[in-house]
């Protein structure tokens, strides 16, 4: 009688995914970063591990967070620009 041996897997044993890039992470974690802008990079990396099941590099997480923060800051600059225009119009109308 012969014995069946299951196939051995010779993987590296890590879940490093080279295909997950910063734009995907920025899109996936956009709401979390907007709600909590002081979210640490290590926490974001841990959430990638738990939610997506992959291990990503810290630089990818840092670039994703920076991209979201740049978008938020651009939005704030536009809003404050409109606010100053509104203040100018109010001052003109009150003269």
C-alpha atoms as a PDB file:
ATOM      1  CA  UNK A   1       0.000   0.000   0.000  1.00  0.00           C
ATOM      2  CA  UNK A   2       1.267   3.453  -0.916  1.00  0.00           C
ATOM      3  CA  UNK A   3       0.970   6.490   1.351  1.00  0.00           C
ATOM      4  CA  UNK A   4      -0.386   9.816   0.110  1.00  0.00           C
ATOM      5  CA  UNK A   5       1.740  12.796   1.076  1.00  0.00           C
ATOM      6  CA  UNK A   6       0.132  16.219   0.675  1.00  0.00           C
ATOM      7  CA  UNK A   7       1.928  18.671  -1.549  1.00  0.00           C
ATOM      8  CA  UNK A   8       4.409  20.860   0.195  1.00  0.00           C
ATOM      9  CA  UNK A   9       4.210  24.565  -0.349  1.00  0.00           C
ATOM     10  CA  UNK A  10       7.471  26.388  -0.698  1.00  0.00           C
ATOM     11  CA  UNK A  11       6.302  29.962  -0.258  1.00  0.00           C
ATOM     12  CA  UNK A  12       8.303  32.734   1.292  1.00  0.00           C
ATOM     13  CA  UNK A  13       5.780  32.926   4.071  1.00  0.00           C
ATOM     14  CA  UNK A  14       5.108  36.653   3.900  1.00  0.00           C
ATOM     15  CA  UNK A  15       2.164  38.549   2.510  1.00  0.00           C
ATOM     16  CA  UNK A  16       4.060  41.395   0.891  1.00  0.00           C
ATOM     17  CA  UNK A  17       1.971  42.576  -2.018  1.00  0.00           C
ATOM     18  CA  UNK A  18       3.935  44.652  -4.458  1.00  0.00           C
ATOM     19  CA  UNK A  19       0.789  45.562  -6.413  1.00  0.00           C
ATOM     20  CA  UNK A  20      -0.930  47.634  -3.731  1.00  0.00           C
ATOM     21  CA  UNK A  21       0.125  51.204  -4.282  1.00  0.00           C
ATOM     22  CA  UNK A  22      -0.585  54.502  -2.566  1.00  0.00           C
ATOM     23  CA  UNK A  23      -3.481  55.589  -4.846  1.00  0.00           C
ATOM     24  CA  UNK A  24      -5.414  52.420  -4.030  1.00  0.00           C
ATOM     25  CA  UNK A  25      -4.795  52.816  -0.299  1.00  0.00           C
ATOM     26  CA  UNK A  26      -5.766  56.485  -0.478  1.00  0.00           C
ATOM     27  CA  UNK A  27      -9.029  55.549  -2.148  1.00  0.00           C
ATOM     28  CA  UNK A  28      -9.711  52.682   0.267  1.00  0.00           C
ATOM     29  CA  UNK A  29      -8.898  54.543   3.516  1.00  0.00           C
ATOM     30  CA  UNK A  30     -10.023  58.027   2.437  1.00  0.00           C
ATOM     31  CA  UNK A  31     -12.908  58.312   4.924  1.00  0.00           C
ATOM     32  CA  UNK A  32     -10.826  57.029   7.840  1.00  0.00           C
ATOM     33  CA  UNK A  33      -8.055  59.527   7.159  1.00  0.00           C
ATOM     34  CA  UNK A  34     -10.528  62.411   6.745  1.00  0.00           C
ATOM     35  CA  UNK A  35     -12.280  61.548  10.024  1.00  0.00           C
ATOM     36  CA  UNK A  36      -9.011  61.017  11.878  1.00  0.00           C
ATOM     37  CA  UNK A  37      -6.272  63.133  10.233  1.00  0.00           C
ATOM     38  CA  UNK A  38      -3.745  62.381  12.992  1.00  0.00           C
ATOM     39  CA  UNK A  39      -3.899  58.648  12.205  1.00  0.00           C
ATOM     40  CA  UNK A  40      -0.415  57.192  12.570  1.00  0.00           C
ATOM     41  CA  UNK A  41       1.318  55.411   9.716  1.00  0.00           C
ATOM     42  CA  UNK A  42       1.801  52.291  11.845  1.00  0.00           C
ATOM     43  CA  UNK A  43      -1.927  52.193  12.589  1.00  0.00           C
ATOM     44  CA  UNK A  44      -2.712  52.545   8.895  1.00  0.00           C
ATOM     45  CA  UNK A  45      -0.280  49.735   8.127  1.00  0.00           C
ATOM     46  CA  UNK A  46      -1.948  47.534  10.764  1.00  0.00           C
ATOM     47  CA  UNK A  47      -5.361  48.272   9.266  1.00  0.00           C
ATOM     48  CA  UNK A  48      -4.045  47.242   5.843  1.00  0.00           C
ATOM     49  CA  UNK A  49      -2.933  43.975   7.399  1.00  0.00           C
ATOM     50  CA  UNK A  50      -6.247  43.321   9.143  1.00  0.00           C
ATOM     51  CA  UNK A  51      -8.741  44.604   6.550  1.00  0.00           C
ATOM     52  CA  UNK A  52      -6.986  43.775   3.288  1.00  0.00           C
ATOM     53  CA  UNK A  53      -4.903  40.855   4.494  1.00  0.00           C
ATOM     54  CA  UNK A  54      -1.674  42.185   3.015  1.00  0.00           C
ATOM     55  CA  UNK A  55       1.539  43.603   4.404  1.00  0.00           C
ATOM     56  CA  UNK A  56       2.430  46.919   2.770  1.00  0.00           C
ATOM     57  CA  UNK A  57       5.500  49.062   3.107  1.00  0.00           C
ATOM     58  CA  UNK A  58       5.388  52.088   5.419  1.00  0.00           C
ATOM     59  CA  UNK A  59       6.346  54.407   2.553  1.00  0.00           C
ATOM     60  CA  UNK A  60       3.238  53.319   0.625  1.00  0.00           C
ATOM     61  CA  UNK A  61       1.067  54.138   3.652  1.00  0.00           C
ATOM     62  CA  UNK A  62       2.862  57.454   4.120  1.00  0.00           C
ATOM     63  CA  UNK A  63       2.326  58.422   0.467  1.00  0.00           C
ATOM     64  CA  UNK A  64      -1.358  57.455   0.630  1.00  0.00           C
ATOM     65  CA  UNK A  65      -1.936  59.569   3.723  1.00  0.00           C
ATOM     66  CA  UNK A  66      -0.004  62.489   2.234  1.00  0.00           C
ATOM     67  CA  UNK A  67      -2.120  62.382  -0.933  1.00  0.00           C
ATOM     68  CA  UNK A  68      -5.339  62.548   1.087  1.00  0.00           C
ATOM     69  CA  UNK A  69      -3.991  65.355   3.266  1.00  0.00           C
ATOM     70  CA  UNK A  70      -3.003  67.357   0.162  1.00  0.00           C
ATOM     71  CA  UNK A  71      -6.553  67.028  -1.182  1.00  0.00           C
ATOM     72  CA  UNK A  72      -8.003  68.136   2.155  1.00  0.00           C
ATOM     73  CA  UNK A  73      -5.695  71.156   2.319  1.00  0.00           C
ATOM     74  CA  UNK A  74      -6.597  72.186  -1.250  1.00  0.00           C
ATOM     75  CA  UNK A  75     -10.268  72.038  -0.280  1.00  0.00           C
ATOM     76  CA  UNK A  76      -9.634  74.189   2.817  1.00  0.00           C
ATOM     77  CA  UNK A  77      -7.722  76.779   0.794  1.00  0.00           C
ATOM     78  CA  UNK A  78     -10.611  77.033  -1.684  1.00  0.00           C
ATOM     79  CA  UNK A  79     -13.179  77.344   1.092  1.00  0.00           C
ATOM     80  CA  UNK A  80     -11.231  80.044   2.957  1.00  0.00           C
ATOM     81  CA  UNK A  81     -10.715  81.884  -0.320  1.00  0.00           C
ATOM     82  CA  UNK A  82     -14.473  81.954  -0.816  1.00  0.00           C
ATOM     83  CA  UNK A  83     -14.924  83.080   2.776  1.00  0.00           C
ATOM     84  CA  UNK A  84     -12.642  86.080   2.294  1.00  0.00           C
ATOM     85  CA  UNK A  85     -14.516  86.993  -0.899  1.00  0.00           C
ATOM     86  CA  UNK A  86     -17.762  86.835   1.047  1.00  0.00           C
ATOM     87  CA  UNK A  87     -16.322  89.072   3.789  1.00  0.00           C
ATOM     88  CA  UNK A  88     -15.279  91.598   1.151  1.00  0.00           C
ATOM     89  CA  UNK A  89     -18.776  91.643  -0.336  1.00  0.00           C
ATOM     90  CA  UNK A  90     -20.352  92.138   3.106  1.00  0.00           C
ATOM     91  CA  UNK A  91     -18.024  95.048   3.850  1.00  0.00           C
ATOM     92  CA  UNK A  92     -18.864  96.633   0.501  1.00  0.00           C
ATOM     93  CA  UNK A  93     -22.605  96.320   1.088  1.00  0.00           C
ATOM     94  CA  UNK A  94     -22.346  97.813   4.601  1.00  0.00           C
ATOM     95  CA  UNK A  95     -20.712 101.058   3.443  1.00  0.00           C
END
